[in-house]
Amino acid sequence: MSERKIMKELDVNLKLALSQEDIDDIMCGALEGGISYWCGRVKVEDRYLGKYAHEQISRGGKLLLWDFEDDLELCLDLDKLLNGIKLWAEDPVGCNCLEQVNNRLRIDCCNADEVVCDAIIQYALFGEIRYS
């Protein structure tokens, strides 16, 4: 099958629905390997709001992540993560894991691999993909 020539590109404004579980799943994918090649340490700021660190963000908490490449400690919160998801949806890295469920666009977190989760965290913290 031959590749089609792109005639036009459209800027499209989409709404993406996220559940608390989606946010926890993205964070779990990131913390369990997605960001480990540039992030050397993650700690919960203040107290745990869930049972595990990956549950912190969706419950309004913060995580401190240490970028050992640039020797920086970075703070991740829900607003930053949501912005990272927005940036990823606008310029996706990794697999296409968007799906439509009940007339809402969602991230299929079963297919959001560590590449996707890493990209979302990098977008959230840096506004761009810095490491690959």
C-alpha atoms as a PDB file:
ATOM      1  CA  MET A   1       0.000   0.000   0.000  1.00  0.00           C
ATOM      2  CA  SER A   2       1.463   3.357  -0.974  1.00  0.00           C
ATOM      3  CA  GLU A   3       1.690   6.250   1.444  1.00  0.00           C
ATOM      4  CA  ARG A   4      -0.725   9.105   0.739  1.00  0.00           C
ATOM      5  CA  LYS A   5       0.557  12.614   0.280  1.00  0.00           C
ATOM      6  CA  ILE A   6      -0.708  14.987   2.973  1.00  0.00           C
ATOM      7  CA  MET A   7      -2.695  17.844   1.448  1.00  0.00           C
ATOM      8  CA  LYS A   8      -3.589  19.797   4.576  1.00  0.00           C
ATOM      9  CA  GLU A   9      -3.155  19.643   8.311  1.00  0.00           C
ATOM     10  CA  LEU A  10      -5.909  20.864  10.629  1.00  0.00           C
ATOM     11  CA  ASP A  11      -5.645  22.175  14.151  1.00  0.00           C
ATOM     12  CA  VAL A  12      -8.397  20.424  16.087  1.00  0.00           C
ATOM     13  CA  ASN A  13      -9.576  21.205  19.610  1.00  0.00           C
ATOM     14  CA  LEU A  14     -10.571  17.975  21.362  1.00  0.00           C
ATOM     15  CA  LYS A  15     -11.853  17.166  24.829  1.00  0.00           C
ATOM     16  CA  LEU A  16     -10.153  14.252  26.536  1.00  0.00           C
ATOM     17  CA  ALA A  17     -11.945  12.570  29.451  1.00  0.00           C
ATOM     18  CA  LEU A  18      -9.781  11.278  32.309  1.00  0.00           C
ATOM     19  CA  SER A  19     -10.676   9.299  35.395  1.00  0.00           C
ATOM     20  CA  GLN A  20      -8.742   9.075  38.648  1.00  0.00           C
ATOM     21  CA  GLU A  21      -7.809   5.534  37.620  1.00  0.00           C
ATOM     22  CA  ASP A  22      -6.466   6.797  34.257  1.00  0.00           C
ATOM     23  CA  ILE A  23      -4.189   9.251  36.046  1.00  0.00           C
ATOM     24  CA  ASP A  24      -3.053   6.545  38.480  1.00  0.00           C
ATOM     25  CA  ASP A  25      -2.354   4.181  35.549  1.00  0.00           C
ATOM     26  CA  ILE A  26      -0.288   6.798  33.696  1.00  0.00           C
ATOM     27  CA  MET A  27       1.697   7.530  36.848  1.00  0.00           C
ATOM     28  CA  CYS A  28       2.192   3.821  37.535  1.00  0.00           C
ATOM     29  CA  GLY A  29       3.518   3.270  33.996  1.00  0.00           C
ATOM     30  CA  ALA A  30       5.894   6.184  34.405  1.00  0.00           C
ATOM     31  CA  LEU A  31       7.174   5.255  37.860  1.00  0.00           C
ATOM     32  CA  GLU A  32       7.524   1.536  37.145  1.00  0.00           C
ATOM     33  CA  GLY A  33      10.006   2.011  34.336  1.00  0.00           C
ATOM     34  CA  GLY A  34       8.931   4.725  31.928  1.00  0.00           C
ATOM     35  CA  ILE A  35      11.035   7.510  33.440  1.00  0.00           C
ATOM     36  CA  SER A  36      13.730   5.428  35.150  1.00  0.00           C
ATOM     37  CA  TYR A  37      16.389   6.171  32.517  1.00  0.00           C
ATOM     38  CA  TRP A  38      16.445   9.900  33.419  1.00  0.00           C
ATOM     39  CA  CYS A  39      14.765  10.023  36.831  1.00  0.00           C
ATOM     40  CA  GLY A  40      16.842   8.576  39.651  1.00  0.00           C
ATOM     41  CA  ARG A  41      14.556   9.156  42.610  1.00  0.00           C
ATOM     42  CA  VAL A  42      10.905   9.862  43.319  1.00  0.00           C
ATOM     43  CA  LYS A  43       9.526  10.830  46.696  1.00  0.00           C
ATOM     44  CA  VAL A  44       6.148  11.874  47.967  1.00  0.00           C
ATOM     45  CA  GLU A  45       5.971  15.451  49.185  1.00  0.00           C
ATOM     46  CA  ASP A  46       4.423  15.646  52.676  1.00  0.00           C
ATOM     47  CA  ARG A  47       2.327  12.537  53.314  1.00  0.00           C
ATOM     48  CA  TYR A  48       0.933   9.704  51.211  1.00  0.00           C
ATOM     49  CA  LEU A  49      -2.607  10.397  50.030  1.00  0.00           C
ATOM     50  CA  GLY A  50      -3.040   6.886  48.649  1.00  0.00           C
ATOM     51  CA  LYS A  51      -1.449   3.548  49.376  1.00  0.00           C
ATOM     52  CA  TYR A  52       1.248   3.955  46.689  1.00  0.00           C
ATOM     53  CA  ALA A  53       3.271   6.841  45.265  1.00  0.00           C
ATOM     54  CA  HIS A  54       1.582   6.529  41.859  1.00  0.00           C
ATOM     55  CA  GLU A  55      -1.742   7.415  43.531  1.00  0.00           C
ATOM     56  CA  GLN A  56      -0.443  10.718  44.893  1.00  0.00           C
ATOM     57  CA  ILE A  57      -1.088  13.008  41.899  1.00  0.00           C
ATOM     58  CA  SER A  58      -4.727  12.066  41.268  1.00  0.00           C
ATOM     59  CA  ARG A  59      -5.516  12.813  44.900  1.00  0.00           C
ATOM     60  CA  GLY A  60      -4.091  16.342  44.799  1.00  0.00           C
ATOM     61  CA  GLY A  61      -0.638  15.537  46.139  1.00  0.00           C
ATOM     62  CA  LYS A  62       2.822  16.199  44.792  1.00  0.00           C
ATOM     63  CA  LEU A  63       5.795  14.083  43.821  1.00  0.00           C
ATOM     64  CA  LEU A  64       9.399  15.227  43.795  1.00  0.00           C
ATOM     65  CA  LEU A  65      11.354  13.720  40.915  1.00  0.00           C
ATOM     66  CA  TRP A  66      15.132  13.924  40.608  1.00  0.00           C
ATOM     67  CA  ASP A  67      16.397  14.370  37.056  1.00  0.00           C
ATOM     68  CA  PHE A  68      19.910  12.949  37.351  1.00  0.00           C
ATOM     69  CA  GLU A  69      20.818  14.041  33.816  1.00  0.00           C
ATOM     70  CA  ASP A  70      20.565  17.744  34.762  1.00  0.00           C
ATOM     71  CA  ASP A  71      20.831  17.275  38.554  1.00  0.00           C
ATOM     72  CA  LEU A  72      17.445  18.905  39.208  1.00  0.00           C
ATOM     73  CA  GLU A  73      14.672  18.150  41.643  1.00  0.00           C
ATOM     74  CA  LEU A  74      11.319  18.753  39.960  1.00  0.00           C
ATOM     75  CA  CYS A  75       7.858  18.938  41.508  1.00  0.00           C
ATOM     76  CA  LEU A  76       4.965  17.209  39.733  1.00  0.00           C
ATOM     77  CA  ASP A  77       1.362  17.991  40.649  1.00  0.00           C
ATOM     78  CA  LEU A  78      -2.022  17.420  39.044  1.00  0.00           C
ATOM     79  CA  ASP A  79      -2.081  20.674  37.053  1.00  0.00           C
ATOM     80  CA  LYS A  80       1.321  19.927  35.533  1.00  0.00           C
ATOM     81  CA  LEU A  81       0.323  16.350  34.744  1.00  0.00           C
ATOM     82  CA  LEU A  82      -2.900  17.468  33.053  1.00  0.00           C
ATOM     83  CA  ASN A  83      -0.912  19.927  30.954  1.00  0.00           C
ATOM     84  CA  GLY A  84       1.495  17.103  30.067  1.00  0.00           C
ATOM     85  CA  ILE A  85      -1.427  14.963  28.906  1.00  0.00           C
ATOM     86  CA  LYS A  86      -2.724  17.878  26.829  1.00  0.00           C
ATOM     87  CA  LEU A  87       0.674  18.408  25.198  1.00  0.00           C
ATOM     88  CA  TRP A  88       0.989  14.670  24.532  1.00  0.00           C
ATOM     89  CA  ALA A  89      -2.474  14.573  22.894  1.00  0.00           C
ATOM     90  CA  GLU A  90      -1.457  17.510  20.668  1.00  0.00           C
ATOM     91  CA  ASP A  91       1.900  15.950  19.732  1.00  0.00           C
ATOM     92  CA  PRO A  92       1.788  12.238  20.630  1.00  0.00           C
ATOM     93  CA  VAL A  93       4.897  10.186  21.253  1.00  0.00           C
ATOM     94  CA  GLY A  94       4.673   6.407  21.324  1.00  0.00           C
ATOM     95  CA  CYS A  95       1.625   4.372  20.437  1.00  0.00           C
ATOM     96  CA  ASN A  96      -1.742   5.786  19.515  1.00  0.00           C
ATOM     97  CA  CYS A  97      -3.776   4.896  22.575  1.00  0.00           C
ATOM     98  CA  LEU A  98      -6.694   7.291  22.178  1.00  0.00           C
ATOM     99  CA  GLU A  99     -10.108   5.704  21.940  1.00  0.00           C
ATOM    100  CA  GLN A 100     -13.716   6.788  21.953  1.00  0.00           C
ATOM    101  CA  VAL A 101     -15.878   5.437  24.770  1.00  0.00           C
ATOM    102  CA  ASN A 102     -19.482   6.568  25.234  1.00  0.00           C
ATOM    103  CA  ASN A 103     -18.921   9.479  22.835  1.00  0.00           C
ATOM    104  CA  ARG A 104     -15.898  10.707  24.823  1.00  0.00           C
ATOM    105  CA  LEU A 105     -12.277  10.632  23.772  1.00  0.00           C
ATOM    106  CA  ARG A 106     -10.182   8.776  26.347  1.00  0.00           C
ATOM    107  CA  ILE A 107      -6.705   7.375  26.795  1.00  0.00           C
ATOM    108  CA  ASP A 108      -6.750   3.591  26.626  1.00  0.00           C
ATOM    109  CA  CYS A 109      -4.417   3.077  29.560  1.00  0.00           C
ATOM    110  CA  CYS A 110      -4.148  -0.648  28.808  1.00  0.00           C
ATOM    111  CA  ASN A 111      -2.262   0.381  25.656  1.00  0.00           C
ATOM    112  CA  ALA A 112      -0.419   3.389  27.113  1.00  0.00           C
ATOM    113  CA  ASP A 113       3.029   1.857  27.387  1.00  0.00           C
ATOM    114  CA  GLU A 114       6.080   3.203  29.216  1.00  0.00           C
ATOM    115  CA  VAL A 115       7.009   5.350  26.181  1.00  0.00           C
ATOM    116  CA  VAL A 116       3.650   7.147  26.350  1.00  0.00           C
ATOM    117  CA  CYS A 117       3.802   7.537  30.142  1.00  0.00           C
ATOM    118  CA  ASP A 118       7.371   8.853  29.960  1.00  0.00           C
ATOM    119  CA  ALA A 119       6.420  11.361  27.256  1.00  0.00           C
ATOM    120  CA  ILE A 120       3.483  12.632  29.327  1.00  0.00           C
ATOM    121  CA  ILE A 121       5.725  13.170  32.371  1.00  0.00           C
ATOM    122  CA  GLN A 122       8.397  14.920  30.289  1.00  0.00           C
ATOM    123  CA  TYR A 123       5.766  17.188  28.725  1.00  0.00           C
ATOM    124  CA  ALA A 124       4.421  17.881  32.234  1.00  0.00           C
ATOM    125  CA  LEU A 125       7.799  18.786  33.718  1.00  0.00           C
ATOM    126  CA  PHE A 126       9.705  20.289  30.783  1.00  0.00           C
ATOM    127  CA  GLY A 127       7.024  21.298  28.251  1.00  0.00           C
ATOM    128  CA  GLU A 128       8.872  19.198  25.682  1.00  0.00           C
ATOM    129  CA  ILE A 129      10.475  15.809  25.138  1.00  0.00           C
ATOM    130  CA  ARG A 130      13.980  16.246  26.484  1.00  0.00           C
ATOM    131  CA  TYR A 131      15.100  12.607  26.723  1.00  0.00           C
ATOM    132  CA  SER A 132      14.432   9.687  24.404  1.00  0.00           C
END
